[in-house]
Amino acid sequence: MWVAGTGLGTLAHAQSAASARVVTRAEAVASALSRSTRHTIARLDSASAFAQLSAARQYENPEQLVIITAGVEGRALSAVMADVQGILASNAASNAASAGVRVELGGRYASQQAAFSTLLLVLALAVVSVLCVMVLQFRSFVEPIVVLLAAPLSFGGAFALLVLTDVSLNVSSFMGLILLVGLIVKNGIILLDFTRHRMLVDGADLETGIRDAARIRLRPILMTTLCTLFGLMPLALGLGAGGEMQKPLAIAVIGGLALSMPITLFAVPMLLVAVRGRDFRLITTAALS
């Protein structure tokens, strides 16, 4: 059976010459339970009438199949698919006993999994691109790698806010994670570029330079972060046309940015000092001249 369409799907190819008549027993379906949008349990036969149906024979790549469609309303697709996979796992023994029967999940779930694979590639390309730009800026691999390490830590804030707001990880929220890579790196560049400036111009060591940079650049980092957070707030509240579709993206960005600010101001300097050493110095411009 293949449950496809807007919801989910199960595909069964039966390699049998038997009749293709599929009967849905009214009494079996009527006793099934359905979960409503308020997560309360109700019997299907309390709101609908059921009758026995016959399905016409269908084929795909000369194999017999039955397609069953179902809509997902009031619940996240990931939660519905978790229930479906749990039911399939609990009935794995009986399914294995049916020789020549294959079960697949399709519909929106299959499309979502394909989109996630593509977005993972986009995320990897974004990280590589940002790394190349920072290597040209700092002329070193140490600072870019330290700054990029803040991105996975900030993802924790995005996931935490998604969980708190009961929003599932979907294509929109995944795009927010990709957007976070550039936003988080921006704060790190503001901090470390001023540190490099102090070390080159004034001959300061790394610890002194990064301490001054954190103190002087705190206000610009705080202002740019807050402006982004408040700018995304209407979208996170789902206001306006199409707001519900972009709500997961805004929530992911807000959660990640909120956590990235203390990470940029505390974790990045500590990690850089641990790698370079607190007495690390650069050749000053006066020495070069």
C-alpha atoms as a PDB file:
ATOM      1  CA  MET A   1       0.000   0.000   0.000  1.00  0.00           C
ATOM      2  CA  TRP A   2       1.247   3.480  -0.745  1.00  0.00           C
ATOM      3  CA  VAL A   3       0.057   6.341   1.403  1.00  0.00           C
ATOM      4  CA  ALA A   4       1.040   9.445  -0.517  1.00  0.00           C
ATOM      5  CA  GLY A   5      -0.411  12.832  -1.482  1.00  0.00           C
ATOM      6  CA  THR A   6      -0.255  15.645   1.039  1.00  0.00           C
ATOM      7  CA  GLY A   7       0.454  13.442   3.982  1.00  0.00           C
ATOM      8  CA  LEU A   8       2.403  10.249   4.150  1.00  0.00           C
ATOM      9  CA  GLY A   9       2.557   7.029   2.276  1.00  0.00           C
ATOM     10  CA  THR A  10       3.028   3.287   2.347  1.00  0.00           C
ATOM     11  CA  LEU A  11       3.749   1.343  -0.819  1.00  0.00           C
ATOM     12  CA  ALA A  12       3.169  -2.378  -1.059  1.00  0.00           C
ATOM     13  CA  HIS A  13       3.984  -4.324  -4.206  1.00  0.00           C
ATOM     14  CA  ALA A  14       2.337  -7.700  -4.130  1.00  0.00           C
ATOM     15  CA  GLN A  15       3.772 -10.103  -6.703  1.00  0.00           C
ATOM     16  CA  SER A  16       0.748 -12.324  -6.763  1.00  0.00           C
ATOM     17  CA  ALA A  17      -1.736 -13.337  -9.427  1.00  0.00           C
ATOM     18  CA  ALA A  18      -4.553 -13.263  -6.921  1.00  0.00           C
ATOM     19  CA  SER A  19      -7.490 -10.902  -7.238  1.00  0.00           C
ATOM     20  CA  ALA A  20      -6.730  -7.214  -6.702  1.00  0.00           C
ATOM     21  CA  ARG A  21      -9.891  -6.675  -4.664  1.00  0.00           C
ATOM     22  CA  VAL A  22      -8.986  -4.770  -1.459  1.00  0.00           C
ATOM     23  CA  VAL A  23     -11.757  -4.474   1.122  1.00  0.00           C
ATOM     24  CA  THR A  24     -11.671  -1.926   3.919  1.00  0.00           C
ATOM     25  CA  ARG A  25     -13.750  -3.380   6.729  1.00  0.00           C
ATOM     26  CA  ALA A  26     -16.029  -0.765   8.204  1.00  0.00           C
ATOM     27  CA  GLU A  27     -15.981  -2.292  11.647  1.00  0.00           C
ATOM     28  CA  ALA A  28     -12.156  -2.380  11.733  1.00  0.00           C
ATOM     29  CA  VAL A  29     -11.753   1.201  10.613  1.00  0.00           C
ATOM     30  CA  ALA A  30     -14.527   2.443  12.881  1.00  0.00           C
ATOM     31  CA  SER A  31     -12.728   1.071  15.917  1.00  0.00           C
ATOM     32  CA  ALA A  32      -9.529   2.937  15.059  1.00  0.00           C
ATOM     33  CA  LEU A  33      -8.508   5.906  17.111  1.00  0.00           C
ATOM     34  CA  SER A  34      -7.696   9.369  15.804  1.00  0.00           C
ATOM     35  CA  ARG A  35      -5.731  12.131  17.480  1.00  0.00           C
ATOM     36  CA  SER A  36      -7.324  15.558  17.131  1.00  0.00           C
ATOM     37  CA  THR A  37      -5.602  18.929  16.913  1.00  0.00           C
ATOM     38  CA  ARG A  38      -5.904  19.311  20.691  1.00  0.00           C
ATOM     39  CA  HIS A  39      -4.152  15.958  21.170  1.00  0.00           C
ATOM     40  CA  THR A  40      -7.254  14.306  22.643  1.00  0.00           C
ATOM     41  CA  ILE A  41      -8.281  10.789  21.688  1.00  0.00           C
ATOM     42  CA  ALA A  42     -11.566  10.263  19.828  1.00  0.00           C
ATOM     43  CA  ARG A  43     -13.117   7.408  17.886  1.00  0.00           C
ATOM     44  CA  LEU A  44     -13.311   7.855  14.131  1.00  0.00           C
ATOM     45  CA  ASP A  45     -16.858   6.490  14.007  1.00  0.00           C
ATOM     46  CA  SER A  46     -18.037   9.298  16.299  1.00  0.00           C
ATOM     47  CA  ALA A  47     -17.624  11.857  13.499  1.00  0.00           C
ATOM     48  CA  SER A  48     -17.867   9.834  10.259  1.00  0.00           C
ATOM     49  CA  ALA A  49     -19.748   7.029   8.595  1.00  0.00           C
ATOM     50  CA  PHE A  50     -17.885   4.087   7.076  1.00  0.00           C
ATOM     51  CA  ALA A  51     -18.673   1.611   4.334  1.00  0.00           C
ATOM     52  CA  GLN A  52     -16.865  -1.248   2.612  1.00  0.00           C
ATOM     53  CA  LEU A  53     -15.022  -0.229  -0.550  1.00  0.00           C
ATOM     54  CA  SER A  54     -13.359  -2.068  -3.395  1.00  0.00           C
ATOM     55  CA  ALA A  55     -10.095  -0.784  -4.857  1.00  0.00           C
ATOM     56  CA  ALA A  56      -9.322  -1.063  -8.545  1.00  0.00           C
ATOM     57  CA  ARG A  57      -6.168  -2.875  -9.585  1.00  0.00           C
ATOM     58  CA  GLN A  58      -3.186  -0.547 -10.134  1.00  0.00           C
ATOM     59  CA  TYR A  59       0.305  -1.274 -11.438  1.00  0.00           C
ATOM     60  CA  GLU A  60       3.680   0.396 -11.450  1.00  0.00           C
ATOM     61  CA  ASN A  61       6.632  -1.143 -13.294  1.00  0.00           C
ATOM     62  CA  PRO A  62       4.370  -4.197 -13.819  1.00  0.00           C
ATOM     63  CA  GLU A  63       4.006  -4.644 -10.050  1.00  0.00           C
ATOM     64  CA  GLN A  64       0.693  -4.496  -8.288  1.00  0.00           C
ATOM     65  CA  LEU A  65       0.265  -1.645  -5.787  1.00  0.00           C
ATOM     66  CA  VAL A  66      -2.376   0.060  -3.682  1.00  0.00           C
ATOM     67  CA  ILE A  67      -2.154   3.810  -3.019  1.00  0.00           C
ATOM     68  CA  ILE A  68      -3.644   5.242   0.170  1.00  0.00           C
ATOM     69  CA  THR A  69      -3.617   9.004   0.705  1.00  0.00           C
ATOM     70  CA  ALA A  70      -3.972  10.835   4.011  1.00  0.00           C
ATOM     71  CA  GLY A  71      -3.794  14.480   5.047  1.00  0.00           C
ATOM     72  CA  VAL A  72      -1.856  15.845   8.016  1.00  0.00           C
ATOM     73  CA  GLU A  73      -3.801  18.548   9.835  1.00  0.00           C
ATOM     74  CA  GLY A  74      -3.070  20.111  13.205  1.00  0.00           C
ATOM     75  CA  ARG A  75       0.144  18.142  13.849  1.00  0.00           C
ATOM     76  CA  ALA A  76       3.719  18.408  12.660  1.00  0.00           C
ATOM     77  CA  LEU A  77       4.697  16.072   9.841  1.00  0.00           C
ATOM     78  CA  SER A  78       7.655  14.772  11.863  1.00  0.00           C
ATOM     79  CA  ALA A  79       5.377  13.777  14.761  1.00  0.00           C
ATOM     80  CA  VAL A  80       2.964  11.979  12.433  1.00  0.00           C
ATOM     81  CA  MET A  81       5.780  10.127  10.674  1.00  0.00           C
ATOM     82  CA  ALA A  82       7.224   9.071  14.038  1.00  0.00           C
ATOM     83  CA  ASP A  83       3.881   7.434  14.853  1.00  0.00           C
ATOM     84  CA  VAL A  84       3.728   5.775  11.430  1.00  0.00           C
ATOM     85  CA  GLN A  85       7.253   4.402  11.704  1.00  0.00           C
ATOM     86  CA  GLY A  86       6.501   3.122  15.194  1.00  0.00           C
ATOM     87  CA  ILE A  87       3.438   1.249  13.902  1.00  0.00           C
ATOM     88  CA  LEU A  88       5.439  -0.211  11.008  1.00  0.00           C
ATOM     89  CA  ALA A  89       8.201  -1.305  13.390  1.00  0.00           C
ATOM     90  CA  SER A  90       5.725  -2.973  15.734  1.00  0.00           C
ATOM     91  CA  ASN A  91       4.231  -4.899  12.811  1.00  0.00           C
ATOM     92  CA  ALA A  92       7.560  -5.759  11.196  1.00  0.00           C
ATOM     93  CA  ALA A  93       7.177  -9.476  11.929  1.00  0.00           C
ATOM     94  CA  SER A  94       3.792  -9.730  10.229  1.00  0.00           C
ATOM     95  CA  ASN A  95       4.975  -7.635   7.271  1.00  0.00           C
ATOM     96  CA  ALA A  96       8.017  -9.878   6.822  1.00  0.00           C
ATOM     97  CA  ALA A  97       5.736 -12.893   6.635  1.00  0.00           C
ATOM     98  CA  SER A  98       4.079 -11.466   3.501  1.00  0.00           C
ATOM     99  CA  ALA A  99       6.422 -12.564   0.736  1.00  0.00           C
ATOM    100  CA  GLY A 100       6.791 -10.123  -2.141  1.00  0.00           C
ATOM    101  CA  VAL A 101       5.433  -7.129  -0.210  1.00  0.00           C
ATOM    102  CA  ARG A 102       7.504  -3.958   0.082  1.00  0.00           C
ATOM    103  CA  VAL A 103       6.647  -0.938   2.245  1.00  0.00           C
ATOM    104  CA  GLU A 104       7.848   2.606   1.487  1.00  0.00           C
ATOM    105  CA  LEU A 105       7.060   6.058   2.885  1.00  0.00           C
ATOM    106  CA  GLY A 106       6.305   8.791   0.400  1.00  0.00           C
ATOM    107  CA  GLY A 107       4.360  12.012  -0.068  1.00  0.00           C
ATOM    108  CA  ARG A 108       5.475  15.116   1.776  1.00  0.00           C
ATOM    109  CA  TYR A 109       7.788  13.032   3.978  1.00  0.00           C
ATOM    110  CA  ALA A 110       9.848  11.840   1.000  1.00  0.00           C
ATOM    111  CA  SER A 111      10.004  15.393  -0.360  1.00  0.00           C
ATOM    112  CA  GLN A 112      11.161  16.697   3.005  1.00  0.00           C
ATOM    113  CA  GLN A 113      13.940  14.122   3.272  1.00  0.00           C
ATOM    114  CA  ALA A 114      15.168  15.018  -0.216  1.00  0.00           C
ATOM    115  CA  ALA A 115      15.115  18.721   0.708  1.00  0.00           C
ATOM    116  CA  PHE A 116      17.125  18.048   3.883  1.00  0.00           C
ATOM    117  CA  SER A 117      19.812  16.269   1.848  1.00  0.00           C
ATOM    118  CA  THR A 118      20.079  19.270  -0.477  1.00  0.00           C
ATOM    119  CA  LEU A 119      20.179  21.739   2.413  1.00  0.00           C
ATOM    120  CA  LEU A 120      22.991  19.793   4.094  1.00  0.00           C
ATOM    121  CA  LEU A 121      25.031  20.285   0.930  1.00  0.00           C
ATOM    122  CA  VAL A 122      24.159  23.996   0.927  1.00  0.00           C
ATOM    123  CA  LEU A 123      25.238  24.251   4.584  1.00  0.00           C
ATOM    124  CA  ALA A 124      28.580  22.623   3.796  1.00  0.00           C
ATOM    125  CA  LEU A 125      29.145  24.998   0.857  1.00  0.00           C
ATOM    126  CA  ALA A 126      28.288  27.977   3.085  1.00  0.00           C
ATOM    127  CA  VAL A 127      30.843  26.906   5.693  1.00  0.00           C
ATOM    128  CA  VAL A 128      33.555  26.417   3.064  1.00  0.00           C
ATOM    129  CA  SER A 129      32.809  29.792   1.455  1.00  0.00           C
ATOM    130  CA  VAL A 130      32.909  31.638   4.778  1.00  0.00           C
ATOM    131  CA  LEU A 131      36.137  29.863   5.718  1.00  0.00           C
ATOM    132  CA  CYS A 132      37.816  30.945   2.465  1.00  0.00           C
ATOM    133  CA  VAL A 133      36.809  34.587   2.978  1.00  0.00           C
ATOM    134  CA  MET A 134      38.127  34.643   6.559  1.00  0.00           C
ATOM    135  CA  VAL A 135      41.398  32.995   5.581  1.00  0.00           C
ATOM    136  CA  LEU A 136      41.962  35.818   3.102  1.00  0.00           C
ATOM    137  CA  GLN A 137      41.047  38.352   5.785  1.00  0.00           C
ATOM    138  CA  PHE A 138      43.216  37.014   8.627  1.00  0.00           C
ATOM    139  CA  ARG A 139      45.885  35.277   6.501  1.00  0.00           C
ATOM    140  CA  SER A 140      45.706  32.332   8.835  1.00  0.00           C
ATOM    141  CA  PHE A 141      43.575  29.233   9.410  1.00  0.00           C
ATOM    142  CA  VAL A 142      43.529  29.464  13.210  1.00  0.00           C
ATOM    143  CA  GLU A 143      41.211  32.480  13.628  1.00  0.00           C
ATOM    144  CA  PRO A 144      38.687  31.352  10.976  1.00  0.00           C
ATOM    145  CA  ILE A 145      38.405  27.871  12.474  1.00  0.00           C
ATOM    146  CA  VAL A 146      37.985  29.295  15.990  1.00  0.00           C
ATOM    147  CA  VAL A 147      35.200  31.616  14.784  1.00  0.00           C
ATOM    148  CA  LEU A 148      33.459  28.829  12.863  1.00  0.00           C
ATOM    149  CA  LEU A 149      33.473  26.620  15.957  1.00  0.00           C
ATOM    150  CA  ALA A 150      31.042  29.099  17.503  1.00  0.00           C
ATOM    151  CA  ALA A 151      28.406  28.247  14.882  1.00  0.00           C
ATOM    152  CA  PRO A 152      27.652  24.660  16.058  1.00  0.00           C
ATOM    153  CA  LEU A 153      27.512  25.897  19.652  1.00  0.00           C
ATOM    154  CA  SER A 154      25.000  28.569  18.665  1.00  0.00           C
ATOM    155  CA  PHE A 155      22.875  25.957  16.893  1.00  0.00           C
ATOM    156  CA  GLY A 156      22.044  24.708  20.383  1.00  0.00           C
ATOM    157  CA  GLY A 157      20.180  27.961  21.035  1.00  0.00           C
ATOM    158  CA  ALA A 158      18.222  27.543  17.816  1.00  0.00           C
ATOM    159  CA  PHE A 159      17.215  23.962  18.650  1.00  0.00           C
ATOM    160  CA  ALA A 160      16.310  24.932  22.220  1.00  0.00           C
ATOM    161  CA  LEU A 161      13.997  27.742  21.092  1.00  0.00           C
ATOM    162  CA  LEU A 162      12.386  25.473  18.495  1.00  0.00           C
ATOM    163  CA  VAL A 163      11.633  22.961  21.239  1.00  0.00           C
ATOM    164  CA  LEU A 164      10.314  25.629  23.628  1.00  0.00           C
ATOM    165  CA  THR A 165       7.973  27.041  20.984  1.00  0.00           C
ATOM    166  CA  ASP A 166       6.883  23.554  19.862  1.00  0.00           C
ATOM    167  CA  VAL A 167       8.076  24.147  16.286  1.00  0.00           C
ATOM    168  CA  SER A 168       9.479  21.188  14.392  1.00  0.00           C
ATOM    169  CA  LEU A 169      12.716  21.154  12.416  1.00  0.00           C
ATOM    170  CA  ASN A 170      11.601  21.588   8.820  1.00  0.00           C
ATOM    171  CA  VAL A 171      12.940  23.111   5.616  1.00  0.00           C
ATOM    172  CA  SER A 172      12.253  26.666   6.802  1.00  0.00           C
ATOM    173  CA  SER A 173      14.036  26.255  10.143  1.00  0.00           C
ATOM    174  CA  PHE A 174      16.940  24.495   8.400  1.00  0.00           C
ATOM    175  CA  MET A 175      17.335  27.551   6.169  1.00  0.00           C
ATOM    176  CA  GLY A 176      17.539  29.588   9.366  1.00  0.00           C
ATOM    177  CA  LEU A 177      20.492  27.475  10.506  1.00  0.00           C
ATOM    178  CA  ILE A 178      22.261  28.189   7.208  1.00  0.00           C
ATOM    179  CA  LEU A 179      21.588  31.904   7.700  1.00  0.00           C
ATOM    180  CA  LEU A 180      23.038  31.661  11.211  1.00  0.00           C
ATOM    181  CA  VAL A 181      26.447  30.673   9.858  1.00  0.00           C
ATOM    182  CA  GLY A 182      26.948  34.086   8.265  1.00  0.00           C
ATOM    183  CA  LEU A 183      25.407  36.062  11.128  1.00  0.00           C
ATOM    184  CA  ILE A 184      27.498  34.367  13.813  1.00  0.00           C
ATOM    185  CA  VAL A 185      30.727  34.685  11.850  1.00  0.00           C
ATOM    186  CA  LYS A 186      30.038  38.415  11.414  1.00  0.00           C
ATOM    187  CA  ASN A 187      30.292  39.022  15.163  1.00  0.00           C
ATOM    188  CA  GLY A 188      33.481  37.004  15.381  1.00  0.00           C
ATOM    189  CA  ILE A 189      35.058  38.980  12.550  1.00  0.00           C
ATOM    190  CA  ILE A 190      34.174  42.283  14.265  1.00  0.00           C
ATOM    191  CA  LEU A 191      35.907  41.096  17.431  1.00  0.00           C
ATOM    192  CA  LEU A 192      39.031  39.498  15.967  1.00  0.00           C
ATOM    193  CA  ASP A 193      39.632  42.152  13.315  1.00  0.00           C
ATOM    194  CA  PHE A 194      39.942  44.820  16.007  1.00  0.00           C
ATOM    195  CA  THR A 195      42.167  42.478  18.006  1.00  0.00           C
ATOM    196  CA  ARG A 196      44.457  42.089  15.002  1.00  0.00           C
ATOM    197  CA  HIS A 197      44.474  45.867  14.523  1.00  0.00           C
ATOM    198  CA  ARG A 198      45.637  46.456  18.116  1.00  0.00           C
ATOM    199  CA  MET A 199      48.326  43.815  17.808  1.00  0.00           C
ATOM    200  CA  LEU A 200      49.673  45.236  14.530  1.00  0.00           C
ATOM    201  CA  VAL A 201      49.504  48.953  15.343  1.00  0.00           C
ATOM    202  CA  ASP A 202      50.227  49.035  19.095  1.00  0.00           C
ATOM    203  CA  GLY A 203      52.289  45.850  19.418  1.00  0.00           C
ATOM    204  CA  ALA A 204      49.961  44.437  22.086  1.00  0.00           C
ATOM    205  CA  ASP A 205      50.000  40.758  22.947  1.00  0.00           C
ATOM    206  CA  LEU A 206      46.999  38.563  22.166  1.00  0.00           C
ATOM    207  CA  GLU A 207      45.459  38.640  25.622  1.00  0.00           C
ATOM    208  CA  THR A 208      45.625  42.434  25.893  1.00  0.00           C
ATOM    209  CA  GLY A 209      44.414  42.959  22.339  1.00  0.00           C
ATOM    210  CA  ILE A 210      41.432  40.639  22.586  1.00  0.00           C
ATOM    211  CA  ARG A 211      40.449  42.034  25.999  1.00  0.00           C
ATOM    212  CA  ASP A 212      40.414  45.579  24.597  1.00  0.00           C
ATOM    213  CA  ALA A 213      38.534  44.383  21.520  1.00  0.00           C
ATOM    214  CA  ALA A 214      35.831  42.725  23.614  1.00  0.00           C
ATOM    215  CA  ARG A 215      35.391  45.907  25.658  1.00  0.00           C
ATOM    216  CA  ILE A 216      35.370  48.335  22.733  1.00  0.00           C
ATOM    217  CA  ARG A 217      33.421  46.172  20.265  1.00  0.00           C
ATOM    218  CA  LEU A 218      30.793  45.069  22.781  1.00  0.00           C
ATOM    219  CA  ARG A 219      28.443  47.898  21.829  1.00  0.00           C
ATOM    220  CA  PRO A 220      28.540  47.341  18.038  1.00  0.00           C
ATOM    221  CA  ILE A 221      28.075  43.577  18.483  1.00  0.00           C
ATOM    222  CA  LEU A 222      25.214  44.104  20.940  1.00  0.00           C
ATOM    223  CA  MET A 223      23.463  46.676  18.736  1.00  0.00           C
ATOM    224  CA  THR A 224      23.682  44.682  15.514  1.00  0.00           C
ATOM    225  CA  THR A 225      22.476  41.521  17.264  1.00  0.00           C
ATOM    226  CA  LEU A 226      19.532  43.264  18.947  1.00  0.00           C
ATOM    227  CA  CYS A 227      18.523  44.987  15.706  1.00  0.00           C
ATOM    228  CA  THR A 228      18.429  41.618  13.951  1.00  0.00           C
ATOM    229  CA  LEU A 229      16.465  40.000  16.784  1.00  0.00           C
ATOM    230  CA  PHE A 230      13.825  42.739  16.937  1.00  0.00           C
ATOM    231  CA  GLY A 231      13.605  42.839  13.147  1.00  0.00           C
ATOM    232  CA  LEU A 232      12.756  39.126  13.081  1.00  0.00           C
ATOM    233  CA  MET A 233      10.260  39.339  15.956  1.00  0.00           C
ATOM    234  CA  PRO A 234       7.146  40.019  13.792  1.00  0.00           C
ATOM    235  CA  LEU A 235       8.081  37.094  11.574  1.00  0.00           C
ATOM    236  CA  ALA A 236       8.601  34.849  14.610  1.00  0.00           C
ATOM    237  CA  LEU A 237       5.106  35.776  15.832  1.00  0.00           C
ATOM    238  CA  GLY A 238       3.642  34.683  12.504  1.00  0.00           C
ATOM    239  CA  LEU A 239       2.313  38.137  11.624  1.00  0.00           C
ATOM    240  CA  GLY A 240       1.492  39.117   8.068  1.00  0.00           C
ATOM    241  CA  ALA A 241       0.771  37.150   4.930  1.00  0.00           C
ATOM    242  CA  GLY A 242       2.763  33.926   4.822  1.00  0.00           C
ATOM    243  CA  GLY A 243       4.082  34.529   8.321  1.00  0.00           C
ATOM    244  CA  GLU A 244       3.348  31.001   9.509  1.00  0.00           C
ATOM    245  CA  MET A 245       5.498  29.547   6.714  1.00  0.00           C
ATOM    246  CA  GLN A 246       8.555  31.630   7.666  1.00  0.00           C
ATOM    247  CA  LYS A 247       7.999  31.440  11.429  1.00  0.00           C
ATOM    248  CA  PRO A 248      10.393  28.454  11.948  1.00  0.00           C
ATOM    249  CA  LEU A 249      13.177  30.329  10.122  1.00  0.00           C
ATOM    250  CA  ALA A 250      12.817  33.388  12.361  1.00  0.00           C
ATOM    251  CA  ILE A 251      12.656  31.296  15.540  1.00  0.00           C
ATOM    252  CA  ALA A 252      15.815  29.387  14.611  1.00  0.00           C
ATOM    253  CA  VAL A 253      17.724  32.601  13.836  1.00  0.00           C
ATOM    254  CA  ILE A 254      16.567  34.329  17.045  1.00  0.00           C
ATOM    255  CA  GLY A 255      17.552  31.373  19.224  1.00  0.00           C
ATOM    256  CA  GLY A 256      20.941  30.991  17.562  1.00  0.00           C
ATOM    257  CA  LEU A 257      21.794  34.705  17.641  1.00  0.00           C
ATOM    258  CA  ALA A 258      20.785  35.090  21.274  1.00  0.00           C
ATOM    259  CA  LEU A 259      23.251  32.382  22.266  1.00  0.00           C
ATOM    260  CA  SER A 260      25.950  33.458  19.798  1.00  0.00           C
ATOM    261  CA  MET A 261      26.582  36.814  21.489  1.00  0.00           C
ATOM    262  CA  PRO A 262      27.970  35.424  24.792  1.00  0.00           C
ATOM    263  CA  ILE A 263      29.767  32.705  22.832  1.00  0.00           C
ATOM    264  CA  THR A 264      31.460  35.331  20.647  1.00  0.00           C
ATOM    265  CA  LEU A 265      32.440  37.511  23.603  1.00  0.00           C
ATOM    266  CA  PHE A 266      33.614  34.747  25.943  1.00  0.00           C
ATOM    267  CA  ALA A 267      34.126  31.365  24.275  1.00  0.00           C
ATOM    268  CA  VAL A 268      35.896  32.610  21.123  1.00  0.00           C
ATOM    269  CA  PRO A 269      38.517  34.697  23.017  1.00  0.00           C
ATOM    270  CA  MET A 270      39.179  31.896  25.499  1.00  0.00           C
ATOM    271  CA  LEU A 271      39.615  29.334  22.736  1.00  0.00           C
ATOM    272  CA  LEU A 272      41.892  31.602  20.689  1.00  0.00           C
ATOM    273  CA  VAL A 273      44.091  32.357  23.706  1.00  0.00           C
ATOM    274  CA  ALA A 274      44.260  28.641  24.491  1.00  0.00           C
ATOM    275  CA  VAL A 275      45.412  27.870  20.932  1.00  0.00           C
ATOM    276  CA  ARG A 276      47.738  30.826  20.293  1.00  0.00           C
ATOM    277  CA  GLY A 277      48.939  31.519  23.826  1.00  0.00           C
ATOM    278  CA  ARG A 278      48.308  34.722  25.760  1.00  0.00           C
ATOM    279  CA  ASP A 279      51.737  36.187  24.870  1.00  0.00           C
ATOM    280  CA  PHE A 280      51.332  35.659  21.104  1.00  0.00           C
ATOM    281  CA  ARG A 281      52.327  38.736  19.090  1.00  0.00           C
ATOM    282  CA  LEU A 282      52.262  39.895  15.485  1.00  0.00           C
ATOM    283  CA  ILE A 283      54.926  41.891  13.697  1.00  0.00           C
ATOM    284  CA  THR A 284      53.915  45.542  14.098  1.00  0.00           C
ATOM    285  CA  THR A 285      53.692  48.019  11.223  1.00  0.00           C
ATOM    286  CA  ALA A 286      56.416  50.110  12.859  1.00  0.00           C
ATOM    287  CA  ALA A 287      58.819  47.174  12.769  1.00  0.00           C
ATOM    288  CA  LEU A 288      58.020  46.563   9.101  1.00  0.00           C
ATOM    289  CA  SER A 289      58.801  50.171   8.219  1.00  0.00           C
END
